């Protein structure tokens, strides 16, 4: 926990916040599906706090969301933390919440089984979507035309909608499109190299919504699992102690008999 607290202090958090965040990082180590160090846990939490503008006092929301989504969908906490580490900054800049970002990478990863590629695919999608704000971008004009043809509004009160909202609007129309149109849209919004990731997202967008809602209602998830892990560890420790004591007593009894 000292290593985690040191990392938080190095990144500008005060002593009180660093101590609080170190506890959160320790919990994430305990509930994670894969082994991670205290420093890795701290660095991941820092990146999410910054990307999504989350206050230190609400940091547990990060690990609650990851834990609950990994418990309910075909992704691991390692998948999710790996993906968020890649896409968080771009996604946050596109107006997405952390929970919505989790929903998107979950939907893609469930289909492709590759969290890193899912994150890179999401990055490409968001980077292309923002091109609609550039009047000189030919691809941005194509994307604008696509949404117009689908009857999906891209703006609200003069501001571009979040990436999640734009994709959700498109997903509602996706099933009405023929295969060629779907592939054209996927290539335009994601690029040729990320075509499969975009198709995976559209075909599984119901899980993007479900995973987002699961994350939003995950308060306490990590603490509950951490408590169970600590109880299990305590039980195992007590069992070892009991076995050692039994062995010691047996040796003592044996010596007495001699």
Protein backbone atom coordinates (compact mmCIF):
# COMPACT_ATOMS: atom_id res chain seq x y z
CA UNK A 1 0.00 0.00 0.00
CA UNK A 2 3.00 2.26 0.57
CA UNK A 3 4.01 1.94 -3.09
CA UNK A 4 0.49 2.93 -4.21
CA UNK A 5 0.34 5.90 -1.84
CA UNK A 6 3.73 7.08 -3.10
CA UNK A 7 2.50 6.94 -6.72
CA UNK A 8 -0.56 9.00 -5.84
CA UNK A 9 1.54 11.63 -4.04
CA UNK A 10 3.91 11.82 -7.02
CA UNK A 11 0.90 12.64 -9.21
CA UNK A 12 -0.13 15.62 -7.12
CA UNK A 13 -2.63 14.13 -4.68
CA UNK A 14 -2.40 15.34 -1.09
CA UNK A 15 -1.58 12.99 1.80
CA UNK A 16 -5.22 12.44 2.76
CA UNK A 17 -6.35 11.65 -0.78
CA UNK A 18 -3.27 9.49 -1.37
CA UNK A 19 -4.08 7.39 1.69
CA UNK A 20 -7.70 6.98 0.56
CA UNK A 21 -6.68 6.10 -2.99
CA UNK A 22 -4.08 3.61 -1.74
CA UNK A 23 -6.88 1.68 -0.02
CA UNK A 24 -8.87 1.69 -3.28
CA UNK A 25 -5.80 0.45 -5.18
CA UNK A 26 -5.31 -2.33 -2.63
CA UNK A 27 -8.93 -3.43 -3.03
CA UNK A 28 -8.52 -3.54 -6.79
CA UNK A 29 -5.50 -5.80 -6.36
CA UNK A 30 -7.60 -8.17 -4.26
CA UNK A 31 -10.62 -8.36 -6.59
CA UNK A 32 -8.81 -8.25 -9.95
CA UNK A 33 -9.00 -11.41 -12.07
CA UNK A 34 -5.28 -11.12 -12.85
CA UNK A 35 -2.33 -10.44 -10.57
CA UNK A 36 -1.30 -6.79 -10.58
CA UNK A 37 1.18 -4.85 -8.46
CA UNK A 38 0.26 -2.02 -6.13
CA UNK A 39 2.00 0.42 -8.48
CA UNK A 40 0.11 -0.86 -11.53
CA UNK A 41 -3.18 -0.62 -9.68
CA UNK A 42 -2.40 2.95 -8.59
CA UNK A 43 -1.30 4.03 -12.07
CA UNK A 44 -4.48 2.64 -13.62
CA UNK A 45 -6.71 4.44 -11.13
CA UNK A 46 -4.81 7.71 -11.69
CA UNK A 47 -5.34 7.46 -15.45
CA UNK A 48 -9.09 7.01 -15.02
CA UNK A 49 -9.43 9.82 -12.48
CA UNK A 50 -7.76 12.21 -14.92
CA UNK A 51 -9.47 10.99 -18.12
CA UNK A 52 -13.00 11.16 -16.75
CA UNK A 53 -12.63 13.98 -14.24
CA UNK A 54 -13.48 11.77 -11.26
CA UNK A 55 -12.74 13.17 -7.79
CA UNK A 56 -10.45 11.16 -5.53
CA UNK A 57 -13.27 10.64 -3.03
CA UNK A 58 -15.26 8.86 -5.75
CA UNK A 59 -12.41 6.64 -6.96
CA UNK A 60 -14.07 3.47 -5.71
CA UNK A 61 -16.64 3.99 -8.46
CA UNK A 62 -13.90 2.93 -10.92
CA UNK A 63 -13.17 -0.44 -9.35
CA UNK A 64 -16.85 -1.06 -8.50
CA UNK A 65 -17.76 -0.63 -12.16
CA UNK A 66 -14.99 -2.88 -13.47
CA UNK A 67 -15.66 -5.58 -10.89
CA UNK A 68 -19.42 -5.70 -11.46
CA UNK A 69 -19.17 -5.69 -15.26
CA UNK A 70 -16.53 -8.44 -15.24
CA UNK A 71 -18.76 -10.49 -12.95
CA UNK A 72 -21.75 -10.23 -15.28
CA UNK A 73 -20.33 -10.21 -18.82
CA UNK A 74 -17.88 -12.32 -20.82
CA UNK A 75 -14.89 -10.09 -20.03
CA UNK A 76 -12.33 -10.11 -17.23
CA UNK A 77 -11.29 -7.21 -15.06
CA UNK A 78 -7.91 -7.51 -16.78
CA UNK A 79 -9.61 -7.07 -20.17
CA UNK A 80 -11.44 -3.99 -18.97
CA UNK A 81 -8.53 -2.28 -17.23
CA UNK A 82 -6.31 -2.97 -20.24
CA UNK A 83 -8.87 -1.47 -22.61
CA UNK A 84 -9.61 1.54 -20.41
CA UNK A 85 -5.90 2.23 -20.14
CA UNK A 86 -5.79 2.67 -23.92
CA UNK A 87 -9.07 4.42 -24.70
CA UNK A 88 -9.94 6.48 -21.60
CA UNK A 89 -8.45 9.80 -22.69
CA UNK A 90 -10.01 9.74 -26.17
CA UNK A 91 -13.34 8.53 -24.85
CA UNK A 92 -13.46 11.13 -22.11
CA UNK A 93 -12.71 13.84 -24.67
CA UNK A 94 -15.66 12.58 -26.73
CA UNK A 95 -17.97 13.24 -23.81
CA UNK A 96 -18.37 9.64 -22.71
CA UNK A 97 -18.54 8.66 -19.07
CA UNK A 98 -16.33 5.91 -17.69
CA UNK A 99 -19.37 3.63 -17.48
CA UNK A 100 -20.27 4.24 -21.13
CA UNK A 101 -16.68 3.55 -22.13
CA UNK A 102 -16.80 0.27 -20.21
CA UNK A 103 -20.01 -0.58 -22.06
CA UNK A 104 -18.44 0.01 -25.46
CA UNK A 105 -15.23 -1.98 -24.84
CA UNK A 106 -17.26 -4.78 -23.23
CA UNK A 107 -19.50 -5.11 -26.28
CA UNK A 108 -16.53 -5.28 -28.65
CA UNK A 109 -14.36 -7.54 -26.48
CA UNK A 110 -17.16 -10.07 -26.00
CA UNK A 111 -17.26 -10.49 -29.77
CA UNK A 112 -13.57 -10.26 -30.67
CA UNK A 113 -11.95 -11.67 -27.49
CA UNK A 114 -9.18 -9.06 -27.73
CA UNK A 115 -9.41 -6.14 -25.31
CA UNK A 116 -6.41 -4.24 -26.64
CA UNK A 117 -7.73 -4.32 -30.20
CA UNK A 118 -11.19 -3.40 -28.95
CA UNK A 119 -9.72 -0.31 -27.31
CA UNK A 120 -7.79 0.66 -30.43
CA UNK A 121 -10.97 0.20 -32.44
CA UNK A 122 -12.90 2.47 -30.08
CA UNK A 123 -10.11 5.05 -30.34
CA UNK A 124 -10.40 5.04 -34.14
CA UNK A 125 -14.18 5.36 -34.02
CA UNK A 126 -14.07 8.35 -31.67
CA UNK A 127 -11.27 10.02 -33.63
CA UNK A 128 -13.28 9.71 -36.84
CA UNK A 129 -16.53 10.89 -35.27
CA UNK A 130 -14.94 14.14 -34.14
CA UNK A 131 -13.95 14.87 -37.76
CA UNK A 132 -17.52 16.06 -38.38
CA UNK A 133 -16.48 19.27 -36.60
CA UNK A 134 -13.79 19.92 -39.22
CA UNK A 135 -15.31 21.62 -42.26
CA UNK A 136 -12.27 20.66 -44.35
CA UNK A 137 -12.47 16.93 -43.57
CA UNK A 138 -13.86 14.88 -46.45
CA UNK A 139 -14.38 11.92 -44.12
CA UNK A 140 -16.18 14.15 -41.65
CA UNK A 141 -18.58 15.17 -44.41
CA UNK A 142 -19.20 11.51 -45.28
CA UNK A 143 -19.96 10.72 -41.64
CA UNK A 144 -22.33 13.67 -41.38
CA UNK A 145 -24.14 12.44 -44.48
CA UNK A 146 -24.41 8.93 -43.04
CA UNK A 147 -26.12 10.17 -39.89
CA UNK A 148 -28.37 12.45 -41.90
CA UNK A 149 -29.47 9.55 -44.13
CA UNK A 150 -30.20 7.45 -41.05
CA UNK A 151 -32.24 10.23 -39.49
CA UNK A 152 -30.00 10.34 -36.41
CA UNK A 153 -29.43 13.78 -34.90
CA UNK A 154 -25.76 14.48 -34.20
CA UNK A 155 -26.16 17.67 -32.19
CA UNK A 156 -28.03 18.76 -29.10
CA UNK A 157 -28.30 22.45 -28.22
CA UNK A 158 -25.66 23.17 -30.84
CA UNK A 159 -23.15 20.75 -29.34
CA UNK A 160 -21.99 17.43 -30.80
CA UNK A 161 -23.49 14.55 -28.85
CA UNK A 162 -21.23 12.15 -26.96
CA UNK A 163 -19.70 9.26 -28.86
CA UNK A 164 -21.86 6.80 -26.94
CA UNK A 165 -25.08 8.66 -27.78
CA UNK A 166 -24.16 8.91 -31.46
CA UNK A 167 -23.38 5.21 -31.66
CA UNK A 168 -26.53 4.31 -29.73
CA UNK A 169 -28.61 6.27 -32.24
CA UNK A 170 -26.92 4.45 -35.10
CA UNK A 171 -27.37 1.06 -33.41
CA UNK A 172 -31.14 1.60 -33.36
CA UNK A 173 -31.09 1.76 -37.18
CA UNK A 174 -28.42 -0.90 -37.74
CA UNK A 175 -30.74 -3.86 -38.22
CA UNK A 176 -32.61 -2.09 -41.04
CA UNK A 177 -29.47 -1.73 -43.18
CA UNK A 178 -28.22 -4.17 -45.81
CA UNK A 179 -24.77 -5.75 -45.54
CA UNK A 180 -23.07 -3.45 -48.05
CA UNK A 181 -24.35 -0.33 -46.29
CA UNK A 182 -23.21 -1.65 -42.92
CA UNK A 183 -19.71 -2.32 -44.25
CA UNK A 184 -19.52 1.13 -45.86
CA UNK A 185 -20.51 2.79 -42.59
CA UNK A 186 -18.06 0.65 -40.62
CA UNK A 187 -15.18 1.50 -42.96
CA UNK A 188 -16.02 5.22 -42.90
CA UNK A 189 -16.38 5.48 -39.13
CA UNK A 190 -13.63 3.09 -38.06
CA UNK A 191 -11.29 2.62 -41.01
CA UNK A 192 -10.48 -0.59 -42.84
CA UNK A 193 -8.24 -1.95 -40.07
CA UNK A 194 -10.95 -1.53 -37.42
CA UNK A 195 -13.89 -2.69 -39.55
CA UNK A 196 -14.43 -5.87 -37.52
CA UNK A 197 -14.40 -3.99 -34.22
CA UNK A 198 -17.06 -1.58 -35.43
CA UNK A 199 -19.25 -4.40 -36.74
CA UNK A 200 -18.82 -6.23 -33.42
CA UNK A 201 -19.92 -3.11 -31.53
CA UNK A 202 -23.02 -2.54 -33.65
CA UNK A 203 -24.05 -6.20 -33.55
CA UNK A 204 -23.64 -6.32 -29.77
CA UNK A 205 -24.71 -2.80 -28.81
CA UNK A 206 -27.44 -4.10 -26.54
CA UNK A 207 -24.65 -5.38 -24.30
CA UNK A 208 -22.94 -1.98 -24.47
CA UNK A 209 -26.13 -0.52 -22.98
CA UNK A 210 -26.55 -3.35 -20.45
CA UNK A 211 -22.92 -3.17 -19.31
CA UNK A 212 -23.16 0.61 -18.94
CA UNK A 213 -26.24 0.25 -16.74
CA UNK A 214 -24.53 -2.49 -14.73
CA UNK A 215 -21.55 -0.21 -14.12
CA UNK A 216 -23.81 2.67 -13.11
CA UNK A 217 -25.49 0.47 -10.50
CA UNK A 218 -22.33 -1.16 -9.14
CA UNK A 219 -21.80 0.80 -5.92
CA UNK A 220 -20.23 -1.40 -3.26
CA UNK A 221 -19.37 -4.26 -5.62
CA UNK A 222 -15.60 -4.19 -5.07
CA UNK A 223 -15.89 -3.73 -1.30
CA UNK A 224 -18.22 -6.70 -1.00
CA UNK A 225 -15.94 -8.94 -3.05
CA UNK A 226 -12.88 -7.68 -1.18
CA UNK A 227 -14.55 -8.54 2.12
CA UNK A 228 -15.27 -12.06 0.90
CA UNK A 229 -11.66 -12.39 -0.25
CA UNK A 230 -10.40 -11.25 3.15
CA UNK A 231 -12.73 -13.67 4.95
CA UNK A 232 -11.47 -16.49 2.74
CA UNK A 233 -7.86 -15.51 3.42
CA UNK A 234 -8.53 -15.36 7.15
CA UNK A 235 -10.18 -18.81 7.05
CA UNK A 236 -7.22 -20.25 5.17
CA UNK A 237 -4.78 -18.62 7.58
CA UNK A 238 -6.70 -20.00 10.57
CA UNK A 239 -6.72 -23.47 8.98
CA UNK A 240 -2.95 -23.34 8.52
CA UNK A 241 -2.51 -22.21 12.11
CA UNK A 242 -4.76 -25.01 13.36
CA UNK A 243 -2.83 -27.59 11.33
CA UNK A 244 0.48 -26.27 12.64
CA UNK A 245 -0.79 -26.33 16.22
CA UNK A 246 -2.09 -29.88 15.77
CA UNK A 247 1.28 -30.95 14.37
CA UNK A 248 3.13 -29.24 17.22
CA UNK A 249 0.90 -30.91 19.81
CA UNK A 250 1.41 -34.26 18.11
CA UNK A 251 5.18 -33.86 18.27
CA UNK A 252 5.00 -32.83 21.93
CA UNK A 253 2.76 -35.81 22.80
CA UNK A 254 5.12 -38.13 20.94
CA UNK A 255 8.10 -36.81 22.90
CA UNK A 256 6.20 -37.28 26.16
CA UNK A 257 5.43 -40.92 25.33
CA UNK A 258 9.12 -41.57 24.72
